């Protein structure tokens, strides 16, 4: 079954854009547009980058860099959690193994 797309209006750097998205993703789209608008305004207001195209590219590069760092942190945390779970599992196995030995 094909899901109907909703037309959503977003405003980025004072320009209006019509974007089609599934109705259940509307809020995420609006939140994403707000984040992008904030990032582009920050870059524009710094005065170091001129032109909408260049501002958009710099914003995309900054956001992609942020995403890469977030993914790296997630992988690091996932590794930490896996190690802790393995350690807990080994301790539980050790305790249960020790208990079973005493019961025999």
C-alpha atoms as a PDB file:
ATOM      1  CA  UNK A   1       0.000   0.000   0.000  1.00  0.00           C
ATOM      2  CA  UNK A   2       1.406   3.383  -1.049  1.00  0.00           C
ATOM      3  CA  UNK A   3       1.457   6.073   1.605  1.00  0.00           C
ATOM      4  CA  UNK A   4       0.168   9.519   0.634  1.00  0.00           C
ATOM      5  CA  UNK A   5       2.712  12.295   0.768  1.00  0.00           C
ATOM      6  CA  UNK A   6       1.940  15.586   2.454  1.00  0.00           C
ATOM      7  CA  UNK A   7       3.170  18.905   1.090  1.00  0.00           C
ATOM      8  CA  UNK A   8       5.056  20.696   3.827  1.00  0.00           C
ATOM      9  CA  UNK A   9       6.243  24.269   3.605  1.00  0.00           C
ATOM     10  CA  UNK A  10       9.626  25.003   5.174  1.00  0.00           C
ATOM     11  CA  UNK A  11      11.430  28.318   5.408  1.00  0.00           C
ATOM     12  CA  UNK A  12      15.208  28.387   5.168  1.00  0.00           C
ATOM     13  CA  UNK A  13      17.099  31.677   5.052  1.00  0.00           C
ATOM     14  CA  UNK A  14      13.889  33.545   4.302  1.00  0.00           C
ATOM     15  CA  UNK A  15      13.091  31.358   1.277  1.00  0.00           C
ATOM     16  CA  UNK A  16      10.026  29.156   1.187  1.00  0.00           C
ATOM     17  CA  UNK A  17      10.359  25.549  -0.017  1.00  0.00           C
ATOM     18  CA  UNK A  18       7.614  22.994  -0.607  1.00  0.00           C
ATOM     19  CA  UNK A  19       8.716  19.497   0.373  1.00  0.00           C
ATOM     20  CA  UNK A  20       6.764  16.262   0.035  1.00  0.00           C
ATOM     21  CA  UNK A  21       7.052  13.787   2.884  1.00  0.00           C
ATOM     22  CA  UNK A  22       4.995  11.076   4.581  1.00  0.00           C
ATOM     23  CA  UNK A  23       2.549  12.620   7.071  1.00  0.00           C
ATOM     24  CA  UNK A  24       4.129  10.803  10.026  1.00  0.00           C
ATOM     25  CA  UNK A  25       7.516  12.421   9.213  1.00  0.00           C
ATOM     26  CA  UNK A  26       6.205  15.992   9.045  1.00  0.00           C
ATOM     27  CA  UNK A  27       7.440  16.973  12.514  1.00  0.00           C
ATOM     28  CA  UNK A  28      10.902  15.538  11.836  1.00  0.00           C
ATOM     29  CA  UNK A  29      11.075  17.448   8.548  1.00  0.00           C
ATOM     30  CA  UNK A  30      10.120  20.715  10.232  1.00  0.00           C
ATOM     31  CA  UNK A  31      12.665  20.130  13.004  1.00  0.00           C
ATOM     32  CA  UNK A  32      15.363  19.310  10.428  1.00  0.00           C
ATOM     33  CA  UNK A  33      14.555  22.447   8.441  1.00  0.00           C
ATOM     34  CA  UNK A  34      14.840  24.526  11.608  1.00  0.00           C
ATOM     35  CA  UNK A  35      18.253  23.032  12.398  1.00  0.00           C
ATOM     36  CA  UNK A  36      19.419  23.671   8.834  1.00  0.00           C
ATOM     37  CA  UNK A  37      18.091  27.237   8.905  1.00  0.00           C
ATOM     38  CA  UNK A  38      19.909  27.895  12.193  1.00  0.00           C
ATOM     39  CA  UNK A  39      23.178  26.458  10.841  1.00  0.00           C
ATOM     40  CA  UNK A  40      22.930  28.447   7.594  1.00  0.00           C
ATOM     41  CA  UNK A  41      22.157  31.671   9.477  1.00  0.00           C
ATOM     42  CA  UNK A  42      25.138  31.066  11.748  1.00  0.00           C
ATOM     43  CA  UNK A  43      27.421  30.636   8.729  1.00  0.00           C
ATOM     44  CA  UNK A  44      25.940  33.628   6.899  1.00  0.00           C
ATOM     45  CA  UNK A  45      26.181  35.853   9.960  1.00  0.00           C
ATOM     46  CA  UNK A  46      29.843  34.949  10.464  1.00  0.00           C
ATOM     47  CA  UNK A  47      30.561  36.921   7.285  1.00  0.00           C
ATOM     48  CA  UNK A  48      33.215  34.471   6.119  1.00  0.00           C
ATOM     49  CA  UNK A  49      31.031  32.776   3.486  1.00  0.00           C
ATOM     50  CA  UNK A  50      29.058  34.643   0.836  1.00  0.00           C
ATOM     51  CA  UNK A  51      26.369  33.282  -1.449  1.00  0.00           C
ATOM     52  CA  UNK A  52      23.471  30.943  -0.754  1.00  0.00           C
ATOM     53  CA  UNK A  53      25.108  28.011  -2.554  1.00  0.00           C
ATOM     54  CA  UNK A  54      28.316  28.280  -0.570  1.00  0.00           C
ATOM     55  CA  UNK A  55      26.433  28.747   2.699  1.00  0.00           C
ATOM     56  CA  UNK A  56      24.354  25.640   1.953  1.00  0.00           C
ATOM     57  CA  UNK A  57      27.459  23.587   1.124  1.00  0.00           C
ATOM     58  CA  UNK A  58      29.257  24.724   4.280  1.00  0.00           C
ATOM     59  CA  UNK A  59      26.181  23.935   6.381  1.00  0.00           C
ATOM     60  CA  UNK A  60      25.946  20.474   4.788  1.00  0.00           C
ATOM     61  CA  UNK A  61      29.643  19.821   5.424  1.00  0.00           C
ATOM     62  CA  UNK A  62      29.359  20.954   9.055  1.00  0.00           C
ATOM     63  CA  UNK A  63      26.284  18.814   9.633  1.00  0.00           C
ATOM     64  CA  UNK A  64      27.885  15.784   7.928  1.00  0.00           C
ATOM     65  CA  UNK A  65      30.932  16.233  10.172  1.00  0.00           C
ATOM     66  CA  UNK A  66      28.676  16.407  13.243  1.00  0.00           C
ATOM     67  CA  UNK A  67      26.944  13.208  12.091  1.00  0.00           C
ATOM     68  CA  UNK A  68      30.263  11.403  11.642  1.00  0.00           C
ATOM     69  CA  UNK A  69      31.355  12.396  15.159  1.00  0.00           C
ATOM     70  CA  UNK A  70      28.002  11.268  16.594  1.00  0.00           C
ATOM     71  CA  UNK A  71      28.315   7.903  14.836  1.00  0.00           C
ATOM     72  CA  UNK A  72      31.846   7.462  16.171  1.00  0.00           C
ATOM     73  CA  UNK A  73      30.618   8.226  19.718  1.00  0.00           C
ATOM     74  CA  UNK A  74      27.765   5.740  19.257  1.00  0.00           C
ATOM     75  CA  UNK A  75      30.177   3.028  18.128  1.00  0.00           C
ATOM     76  CA  UNK A  76      32.447   3.765  21.071  1.00  0.00           C
ATOM     77  CA  UNK A  77      29.528   3.585  23.499  1.00  0.00           C
ATOM     78  CA  UNK A  78      28.279   0.410  21.854  1.00  0.00           C
ATOM     79  CA  UNK A  79      31.711  -1.150  22.327  1.00  0.00           C
ATOM     80  CA  UNK A  80      31.786  -0.046  25.973  1.00  0.00           C
ATOM     81  CA  UNK A  81      28.326  -1.509  26.584  1.00  0.00           C
ATOM     82  CA  UNK A  82      29.286  -4.775  24.868  1.00  0.00           C
ATOM     83  CA  UNK A  83      32.409  -5.051  27.005  1.00  0.00           C
ATOM     84  CA  UNK A  84      30.485  -4.358  30.199  1.00  0.00           C
ATOM     85  CA  UNK A  85      27.781  -6.882  29.283  1.00  0.00           C
ATOM     86  CA  UNK A  86      30.442  -9.484  28.510  1.00  0.00           C
ATOM     87  CA  UNK A  87      32.103  -8.797  31.866  1.00  0.00           C
ATOM     88  CA  UNK A  88      28.792  -9.058  33.727  1.00  0.00           C
ATOM     89  CA  UNK A  89      27.931 -12.255  31.870  1.00  0.00           C
ATOM     90  CA  UNK A  90      31.304 -13.757  32.793  1.00  0.00           C
ATOM     91  CA  UNK A  91      30.809 -12.802  36.432  1.00  0.00           C
ATOM     92  CA  UNK A  92      27.319 -14.317  36.476  1.00  0.00           C
ATOM     93  CA  UNK A  93      28.631 -17.481  34.808  1.00  0.00           C
ATOM     94  CA  UNK A  94      31.443 -17.614  37.354  1.00  0.00           C
ATOM     95  CA  UNK A  95      29.076 -17.241  40.275  1.00  0.00           C
ATOM     96  CA  UNK A  96      26.602 -19.759  38.878  1.00  0.00           C
ATOM     97  CA  UNK A  97      29.444 -22.128  38.041  1.00  0.00           C
ATOM     98  CA  UNK A  98      30.788 -21.795  41.578  1.00  0.00           C
ATOM     99  CA  UNK A  99      27.332 -22.410  43.055  1.00  0.00           C
ATOM    100  CA  UNK A 100      26.777 -25.447  40.916  1.00  0.00           C
ATOM    101  CA  UNK A 101      30.130 -26.846  41.997  1.00  0.00           C
ATOM    102  CA  UNK A 102      29.173 -26.438  45.664  1.00  0.00           C
ATOM    103  CA  UNK A 103      25.838 -28.148  45.135  1.00  0.00           C
ATOM    104  CA  UNK A 104      27.412 -31.247  43.660  1.00  0.00           C
END
